[in-house]
Amino acid sequence: MILSSKLLYSSISNKKEDLSYYWSLGYADREGIRVGDRFKNFRTRLNLESKVTNFLTIGLTSQFATKDKGAQAADVTQRTNN
């Protein structure tokens, strides 16, 4: 179950006669109902393509992602009764 969530995404792209590109960014921050139950994620992607000559086209596809699962979630089975 997700208590709160923040999602942000953005992208830009363009295509000309001999060049095209696409770049996107994404960020997610989700918090669960238990203490420490949190997930953060950042990712980006870049696609480039260029027509060098009539018979040769080169391209690049690149992506990066990182995640943080936050602090260790509380374990309710480990609690003690006083």
PDB file of N, CA and C in Angstrom:
ATOM      1  N   MET A   1       0.841  -1.175   0.000  1.00  0.00           N
ATOM      2  CA  MET A   1       0.000   0.000   0.000  1.00  0.00           C
ATOM      3  C   MET A   1       0.891   1.245   0.000  1.00  0.00           C
ATOM      4  N   ILE A   2       0.543   2.209  -0.813  1.00  0.00           N
ATOM      5  CA  ILE A   2       1.312   3.445  -0.933  1.00  0.00           C
ATOM      6  C   ILE A   2       0.585   4.565  -0.209  1.00  0.00           C
ATOM      7  N   LEU A   3       1.284   5.209   0.723  1.00  0.00           N
ATOM      8  CA  LEU A   3       0.712   6.320   1.478  1.00  0.00           C
ATOM      9  C   LEU A   3       0.783   7.615   0.684  1.00  0.00           C
ATOM     10  N   SER A   4       1.947   7.930   0.138  1.00  0.00           N
ATOM     11  CA  SER A   4       2.082   9.132  -0.686  1.00  0.00           C
ATOM     12  C   SER A   4       2.999   8.813  -1.857  1.00  0.00           C
ATOM     13  N   SER A   5       2.800   9.533  -2.935  1.00  0.00           N
ATOM     14  CA  SER A   5       3.569   9.268  -4.134  1.00  0.00           C
ATOM     15  C   SER A   5       3.821  10.565  -4.891  1.00  0.00           C
ATOM     16  N   LYS A   6       5.048  10.728  -5.361  1.00  0.00           N
ATOM     17  CA  LYS A   6       5.412  11.879  -6.183  1.00  0.00           C
ATOM     18  C   LYS A   6       6.061  11.338  -7.455  1.00  0.00           C
ATOM     19  N   LEU A   7       5.439  11.601  -8.598  1.00  0.00           N
ATOM     20  CA  LEU A   7       5.953  11.136  -9.877  1.00  0.00           C
ATOM     21  C   LEU A   7       6.153  12.331 -10.799  1.00  0.00           C
ATOM     22  N   LEU A   8       7.344  12.460 -11.356  1.00  0.00           N
ATOM     23  CA  LEU A   8       7.651  13.552 -12.276  1.00  0.00           C
ATOM     24  C   LEU A   8       8.309  12.968 -13.520  1.00  0.00           C
ATOM     25  N   TYR A   9       7.775  13.292 -14.681  1.00  0.00           N
ATOM     26  CA  TYR A   9       8.328  12.821 -15.949  1.00  0.00           C
ATOM     27  C   TYR A   9       8.347  13.961 -16.946  1.00  0.00           C
ATOM     28  N   SER A  10       9.383  13.984 -17.779  1.00  0.00           N
ATOM     29  CA  SER A  10       9.493  15.019 -18.806  1.00  0.00           C
ATOM     30  C   SER A  10      10.302  14.460 -19.967  1.00  0.00           C
ATOM     31  N   SER A  11       9.997  14.921 -21.178  1.00  0.00           N
ATOM     32  CA  SER A  11      10.770  14.494 -22.333  1.00  0.00           C
ATOM     33  C   SER A  11      10.738  15.572 -23.409  1.00  0.00           C
ATOM     34  N   ILE A  12      11.772  15.572 -24.221  1.00  0.00           N
ATOM     35  CA  ILE A  12      11.816  16.453 -25.385  1.00  0.00           C
ATOM     36  C   ILE A  12      12.309  15.628 -26.570  1.00  0.00           C
ATOM     37  N   SER A  13      11.836  15.977 -27.737  1.00  0.00           N
ATOM     38  CA  SER A  13      12.276  15.297 -28.945  1.00  0.00           C
ATOM     39  C   SER A  13      12.136  16.236 -30.131  1.00  0.00           C
ATOM     40  N   ASN A  14      12.893  15.910 -31.167  1.00  0.00           N
ATOM     41  CA  ASN A  14      12.837  16.709 -32.381  1.00  0.00           C
ATOM     42  C   ASN A  14      13.411  15.874 -33.515  1.00  0.00           C
ATOM     43  N   LYS A  15      12.975  16.163 -34.719  1.00  0.00           N
ATOM     44  CA  LYS A  15      13.496  15.477 -35.890  1.00  0.00           C
ATOM     45  C   LYS A  15      13.667  16.483 -37.014  1.00  0.00           C
ATOM     46  N   LYS A  16      14.870  16.493 -37.571  1.00  0.00           N
ATOM     47  CA  LYS A  16      15.177  17.312 -38.739  1.00  0.00           C
ATOM     48  C   LYS A  16      15.532  16.372 -39.879  1.00  0.00           C
ATOM     49  N   GLU A  17      15.922  16.924 -40.972  1.00  0.00           N
ATOM     50  CA  GLU A  17      16.204  16.108 -42.150  1.00  0.00           C
ATOM     51  C   GLU A  17      17.294  15.064 -41.898  1.00  0.00           C
ATOM     52  N   ASP A  18      18.359  15.452 -41.188  1.00  0.00           N
ATOM     53  CA  ASP A  18      19.477  14.523 -40.989  1.00  0.00           C
ATOM     54  C   ASP A  18      19.797  14.231 -39.520  1.00  0.00           C
ATOM     55  N   LEU A  19      18.954  14.661 -38.590  1.00  0.00           N
ATOM     56  CA  LEU A  19      19.214  14.444 -37.169  1.00  0.00           C
ATOM     57  C   LEU A  19      17.901  14.296 -36.405  1.00  0.00           C
ATOM     58  N   SER A  20      17.866  13.337 -35.497  1.00  0.00           N
ATOM     59  CA  SER A  20      16.719  13.209 -34.598  1.00  0.00           C
ATOM     60  C   SER A  20      17.229  12.893 -33.200  1.00  0.00           C
ATOM     61  N   TYR A  21      16.472  13.350 -32.198  1.00  0.00           N
ATOM     62  CA  TYR A  21      16.859  13.070 -30.813  1.00  0.00           C
ATOM     63  C   TYR A  21      15.621  12.944 -29.936  1.00  0.00           C
ATOM     64  N   TYR A  22      15.801  12.230 -28.842  1.00  0.00           N
ATOM     65  CA  TYR A  22      14.770  12.058 -27.818  1.00  0.00           C
ATOM     66  C   TYR A  22      15.487  11.991 -26.480  1.00  0.00           C
ATOM     67  N   TRP A  23      15.049  12.796 -25.505  1.00  0.00           N
ATOM     68  CA  TRP A  23      15.651  12.803 -24.181  1.00  0.00           C
ATOM     69  C   TRP A  23      14.533  12.816 -23.160  1.00  0.00           C
ATOM     70  N   SER A  24      14.597  11.929 -22.196  1.00  0.00           N
ATOM     71  CA  SER A  24      13.567  11.880 -21.157  1.00  0.00           C
ATOM     72  C   SER A  24      14.200  11.784 -19.781  1.00  0.00           C
ATOM     73  N   LEU A  25      13.473  12.305 -18.799  1.00  0.00           N
ATOM     74  CA  LEU A  25      13.857  12.247 -17.391  1.00  0.00           C
ATOM     75  C   LEU A  25      12.663  11.762 -16.592  1.00  0.00           C
ATOM     76  N   GLY A  26      12.919  10.979 -15.571  1.00  0.00           N
ATOM     77  CA  GLY A  26      11.841  10.513 -14.709  1.00  0.00           C
ATOM     78  C   GLY A  26      12.294  10.434 -13.264  1.00  0.00           C
ATOM     79  N   TYR A  27      11.386  10.759 -12.351  1.00  0.00           N
ATOM     80  CA  TYR A  27      11.671  10.708 -10.918  1.00  0.00           C
ATOM     81  C   TYR A  27      10.436  10.198 -10.200  1.00  0.00           C
ATOM     82  N   ALA A  28      10.625   9.265  -9.298  1.00  0.00           N
ATOM     83  CA  ALA A  28       9.528   8.743  -8.487  1.00  0.00           C
ATOM     84  C   ALA A  28       9.960   8.720  -7.026  1.00  0.00           C
ATOM     85  N   ASP A  29       9.062   9.118  -6.148  1.00  0.00           N
ATOM     86  CA  ASP A  29       9.295   9.081  -4.703  1.00  0.00           C
ATOM     87  C   ASP A  29       8.013   8.563  -4.073  1.00  0.00           C
ATOM     88  N   ARG A  30       8.053   7.319  -3.600  1.00  0.00           N
ATOM     89  CA  ARG A  30       6.861   6.681  -3.034  1.00  0.00           C
ATOM     90  C   ARG A  30       7.119   6.305  -1.588  1.00  0.00           C
ATOM     91  N   GLU A  31       6.152   6.599  -0.738  1.00  0.00           N
ATOM     92  CA  GLU A  31       6.264   6.287   0.683  1.00  0.00           C
ATOM     93  C   GLU A  31       5.131   5.350   1.071  1.00  0.00           C
ATOM     94  N   GLY A  32       5.487   4.255   1.730  1.00  0.00           N
ATOM     95  CA  GLY A  32       4.494   3.289   2.173  1.00  0.00           C
ATOM     96  C   GLY A  32       3.938   3.650   3.539  1.00  0.00           C
ATOM     97  N   ILE A  33       3.114   2.761   4.099  1.00  0.00           N
ATOM     98  CA  ILE A  33       2.463   3.054   5.381  1.00  0.00           C
ATOM     99  C   ILE A  33       3.335   2.677   6.577  1.00  0.00           C
ATOM    100  N   ARG A  34       4.351   1.827   6.391  1.00  0.00           N
ATOM    101  CA  ARG A  34       5.235   1.461   7.490  1.00  0.00           C
ATOM    102  C   ARG A  34       6.421   2.417   7.560  1.00  0.00           C
ATOM    103  N   VAL A  35       6.981   2.581   8.744  1.00  0.00           N
ATOM    104  CA  VAL A  35       8.154   3.436   8.937  1.00  0.00           C
ATOM    105  C   VAL A  35       9.319   2.886   8.112  1.00  0.00           C
ATOM    106  N   GLY A  36       9.951   3.734   7.325  1.00  0.00           N
ATOM    107  CA  GLY A  36      11.088   3.315   6.514  1.00  0.00           C
ATOM    108  C   GLY A  36      10.718   2.694   5.182  1.00  0.00           C
ATOM    109  N   ASP A  37       9.442   2.513   4.905  1.00  0.00           N
ATOM    110  CA  ASP A  37       8.996   1.906   3.656  1.00  0.00           C
ATOM    111  C   ASP A  37       8.933   2.991   2.581  1.00  0.00           C
ATOM    112  N   ARG A  38      10.061   3.192   1.893  1.00  0.00           N
ATOM    113  CA  ARG A  38      10.168   4.274   0.924  1.00  0.00           C
ATOM    114  C   ARG A  38      10.972   3.805  -0.291  1.00  0.00           C
ATOM    115  N   PHE A  39      10.596   4.300  -1.457  1.00  0.00           N
ATOM    116  CA  PHE A  39      11.273   3.941  -2.692  1.00  0.00           C
ATOM    117  C   PHE A  39      11.455   5.190  -3.538  1.00  0.00           C
ATOM    118  N   LYS A  40      12.716   5.483  -3.912  1.00  0.00           N
ATOM    119  CA  LYS A  40      13.019   6.614  -4.789  1.00  0.00           C
ATOM    120  C   LYS A  40      13.708   6.079  -6.038  1.00  0.00           C
ATOM    121  N   ASN A  41      13.393   6.694  -7.172  1.00  0.00           N
ATOM    122  CA  ASN A  41      13.939   6.233  -8.435  1.00  0.00           C
ATOM    123  C   ASN A  41      14.178   7.433  -9.342  1.00  0.00           C
ATOM    124  N   PHE A  42      15.345   7.467  -9.991  1.00  0.00           N
ATOM    125  CA  PHE A  42      15.647   8.492 -10.987  1.00  0.00           C
ATOM    126  C   PHE A  42      16.138   7.778 -12.235  1.00  0.00           C
ATOM    127  N   ARG A  43      15.648   8.207 -13.399  1.00  0.00           N
ATOM    128  CA  ARG A  43      16.094   7.599 -14.649  1.00  0.00           C
ATOM    129  C   ARG A  43      16.114   8.631 -15.769  1.00  0.00           C
ATOM    130  N   THR A  44      17.013   8.384 -16.726  1.00  0.00           N
ATOM    131  CA  THR A  44      17.116   9.245 -17.893  1.00  0.00           C
ATOM    132  C   THR A  44      17.452   8.387 -19.111  1.00  0.00           C
ATOM    133  N   ARG A  45      17.046   8.863 -20.264  1.00  0.00           N
ATOM    134  CA  ARG A  45      17.297   8.145 -21.516  1.00  0.00           C
ATOM    135  C   ARG A  45      17.586   9.157 -22.613  1.00  0.00           C
ATOM    136  N   LEU A  46      18.542   8.815 -23.489  1.00  0.00           N
ATOM    137  CA  LEU A  46      18.901   9.672 -24.608  1.00  0.00           C
ATOM    138  C   LEU A  46      19.038   8.817 -25.856  1.00  0.00           C
ATOM    139  N   ASN A  47      18.317   9.179 -26.903  1.00  0.00           N
ATOM    140  CA  ASN A  47      18.425   8.535 -28.204  1.00  0.00           C
ATOM    141  C   ASN A  47      18.848   9.586 -29.221  1.00  0.00           C
ATOM    142  N   LEU A  48      19.885   9.300 -29.991  1.00  0.00           N
ATOM    143  CA  LEU A  48      20.350  10.181 -31.054  1.00  0.00           C
ATOM    144  C   LEU A  48      20.476   9.371 -32.336  1.00  0.00           C
ATOM    145  N   GLU A  49      20.135   9.995 -33.444  1.00  0.00           N
ATOM    146  CA  GLU A  49      20.325   9.351 -34.733  1.00  0.00           C
ATOM    147  C   GLU A  49      20.683  10.416 -35.762  1.00  0.00           C
ATOM    148  N   SER A  50      21.717  10.137 -36.545  1.00  0.00           N
ATOM    149  CA  SER A  50      22.189  11.115 -37.525  1.00  0.00           C
ATOM    150  C   SER A  50      22.448  10.424 -38.857  1.00  0.00           C
ATOM    151  N   LYS A  51      21.994  11.043 -39.919  1.00  0.00           N
ATOM    152  CA  LYS A  51      22.237  10.535 -41.261  1.00  0.00           C
ATOM    153  C   LYS A  51      23.520  11.178 -41.770  1.00  0.00           C
ATOM    154  N   VAL A  52      24.588  10.386 -41.867  1.00  0.00           N
ATOM    155  CA  VAL A  52      25.894  10.886 -42.265  1.00  0.00           C
ATOM    156  C   VAL A  52      25.964  11.050 -43.786  1.00  0.00           C
ATOM    157  N   THR A  53      25.565  10.027 -44.504  1.00  0.00           N
ATOM    158  CA  THR A  53      25.499  10.066 -45.968  1.00  0.00           C
ATOM    159  C   THR A  53      24.200   9.397 -46.401  1.00  0.00           C
ATOM    160  N   ASN A  54      23.991   9.295 -47.704  1.00  0.00           N
ATOM    161  CA  ASN A  54      22.780   8.649 -48.217  1.00  0.00           C
ATOM    162  C   ASN A  54      22.696   7.177 -47.821  1.00  0.00           C
ATOM    163  N   PHE A  55      23.830   6.548 -47.571  1.00  0.00           N
ATOM    164  CA  PHE A  55      23.834   5.120 -47.256  1.00  0.00           C
ATOM    165  C   PHE A  55      24.267   4.808 -45.823  1.00  0.00           C
ATOM    166  N   LEU A  56      24.590   5.835 -45.016  1.00  0.00           N
ATOM    167  CA  LEU A  56      25.094   5.584 -43.664  1.00  0.00           C
ATOM    168  C   LEU A  56      24.359   6.435 -42.632  1.00  0.00           C
ATOM    169  N   THR A  57      23.770   5.761 -41.661  1.00  0.00           N
ATOM    170  CA  THR A  57      23.103   6.405 -40.535  1.00  0.00           C
ATOM    171  C   THR A  57      23.709   5.840 -39.252  1.00  0.00           C
ATOM    172  N   ILE A  58      24.069   6.712 -38.319  1.00  0.00           N
ATOM    173  CA  ILE A  58      24.608   6.248 -37.040  1.00  0.00           C
ATOM    174  C   ILE A  58      23.659   6.678 -35.921  1.00  0.00           C
ATOM    175  N   GLY A  59      23.674   5.912 -34.844  1.00  0.00           N
ATOM    176  CA  GLY A  59      22.782   6.225 -33.735  1.00  0.00           C
ATOM    177  C   GLY A  59      23.377   5.842 -32.400  1.00  0.00           C
ATOM    178  N   LEU A  60      22.790   6.383 -31.367  1.00  0.00           N
ATOM    179  CA  LEU A  60      23.202   6.123 -29.994  1.00  0.00           C
ATOM    180  C   LEU A  60      21.956   6.002 -29.138  1.00  0.00           C
ATOM    181  N   THR A  61      21.907   4.977 -28.343  1.00  0.00           N
ATOM    182  CA  THR A  61      20.850   4.817 -27.349  1.00  0.00           C
ATOM    183  C   THR A  61      21.531   4.637 -26.000  1.00  0.00           C
ATOM    184  N   SER A  62      21.199   5.493 -25.042  1.00  0.00           N
ATOM    185  CA  SER A  62      21.841   5.475 -23.743  1.00  0.00           C
ATOM    186  C   SER A  62      20.789   5.656 -22.657  1.00  0.00           C
ATOM    187  N   GLN A  63      20.958   4.949 -21.550  1.00  0.00           N
ATOM    188  CA  GLN A  63      20.045   5.128 -20.428  1.00  0.00           C
ATOM    189  C   GLN A  63      20.769   4.914 -19.106  1.00  0.00           C
ATOM    190  N   PHE A  64      20.218   5.548 -18.071  1.00  0.00           N
ATOM    191  CA  PHE A  64      20.787   5.470 -16.729  1.00  0.00           C
ATOM    192  C   PHE A  64      19.633   5.442 -15.735  1.00  0.00           C
ATOM    193  N   ALA A  65      19.772   4.637 -14.701  1.00  0.00           N
ATOM    194  CA  ALA A  65      18.748   4.577 -13.653  1.00  0.00           C
ATOM    195  C   ALA A  65      19.417   4.313 -12.314  1.00  0.00           C
ATOM    196  N   THR A  66      18.839   4.885 -11.285  1.00  0.00           N
ATOM    197  CA  THR A  66      19.295   4.638  -9.924  1.00  0.00           C
ATOM    198  C   THR A  66      18.076   4.514  -9.020  1.00  0.00           C
ATOM    199  N   LYS A  67      18.205   3.738  -7.963  1.00  0.00           N
ATOM    200  CA  LYS A  67      17.085   3.602  -7.031  1.00  0.00           C
ATOM    201  C   LYS A  67      17.594   3.584  -5.604  1.00  0.00           C
ATOM    202  N   ASP A  68      16.748   4.025  -4.697  1.00  0.00           N
ATOM    203  CA  ASP A  68      17.041   4.054  -3.275  1.00  0.00           C
ATOM    204  C   ASP A  68      15.822   3.502  -2.560  1.00  0.00           C
ATOM    205  N   LYS A  69      15.999   2.386  -1.901  1.00  0.00           N
ATOM    206  CA  LYS A  69      14.872   1.770  -1.197  1.00  0.00           C
ATOM    207  C   LYS A  69      14.700   2.310   0.214  1.00  0.00           C
ATOM    208  N   GLY A  70      15.475   3.335   0.566  1.00  0.00           N
ATOM    209  CA  GLY A  70      15.314   4.004   1.852  1.00  0.00           C
ATOM    210  C   GLY A  70      15.813   3.179   3.015  1.00  0.00           C
ATOM    211  N   ALA A  71      15.426   3.616   4.177  1.00  0.00           N
ATOM    212  CA  ALA A  71      15.802   2.919   5.402  1.00  0.00           C
ATOM    213  C   ALA A  71      15.100   1.566   5.467  1.00  0.00           C
ATOM    214  N   GLN A  72      15.610   0.703   6.285  1.00  0.00           N
ATOM    215  CA  GLN A  72      14.995  -0.605   6.435  1.00  0.00           C
ATOM    216  C   GLN A  72      13.622  -0.443   7.077  1.00  0.00           C
ATOM    217  N   ALA A  73      12.646  -1.088   6.508  1.00  0.00           N
ATOM    218  CA  ALA A  73      11.275  -0.993   7.009  1.00  0.00           C
ATOM    219  C   ALA A  73      11.165  -1.623   8.398  1.00  0.00           C
ATOM    220  N   ALA A  74      10.260  -1.102   9.202  1.00  0.00           N
ATOM    221  CA  ALA A  74      10.025  -1.646  10.533  1.00  0.00           C
ATOM    222  C   ALA A  74       9.477  -3.069  10.425  1.00  0.00           C
ATOM    223  N   ASP A  75       9.964  -3.958  11.276  1.00  0.00           N
ATOM    224  CA  ASP A  75       9.517  -5.343  11.282  1.00  0.00           C
ATOM    225  C   ASP A  75       8.612  -5.547  12.495  1.00  0.00           C
ATOM    226  N   VAL A  76       7.310  -5.598  12.265  1.00  0.00           N
ATOM    227  CA  VAL A  76       6.359  -5.696  13.377  1.00  0.00           C
ATOM    228  C   VAL A  76       6.412  -7.042  14.071  1.00  0.00           C
ATOM    229  N   THR A  77       7.019  -8.053  13.450  1.00  0.00           N
ATOM    230  CA  THR A  77       7.121  -9.375  14.096  1.00  0.00           C
ATOM    231  C   THR A  77       8.217  -9.385  15.166  1.00  0.00           C
ATOM    232  N   GLN A  78       9.113  -8.409  15.172  1.00  0.00           N
ATOM    233  CA  GLN A  78      10.214  -8.338  16.138  1.00  0.00           C
ATOM    234  C   GLN A  78       9.867  -7.544  17.400  1.00  0.00           C
ATOM    235  N   ARG A  79       8.695  -7.001  17.486  1.00  0.00           N
ATOM    236  CA  ARG A  79       8.357  -6.179  18.653  1.00  0.00           C
ATOM    237  C   ARG A  79       8.169  -7.056  19.896  1.00  0.00           C
ATOM    238  N   THR A  80       8.311  -6.433  21.076  1.00  0.00           N
ATOM    239  CA  THR A  80       8.143  -7.157  22.343  1.00  0.00           C
ATOM    240  C   THR A  80       7.031  -6.477  23.136  1.00  0.00           C
ATOM    241  N   ASN A  81       6.372  -7.256  23.941  1.00  0.00           N
ATOM    242  CA  ASN A  81       5.313  -6.720  24.809  1.00  0.00           C
ATOM    243  C   ASN A  81       5.883  -6.501  26.202  1.00  0.00           C
ATOM    244  N   ASN A  82       5.692  -5.327  26.759  1.00  0.00           N
ATOM    245  CA  ASN A  82       6.182  -5.008  28.110  1.00  0.00           C
ATOM    246  C   ASN A  82       5.047  -4.948  29.078  1.00  0.00           C
TER     247      ASN A  82
END
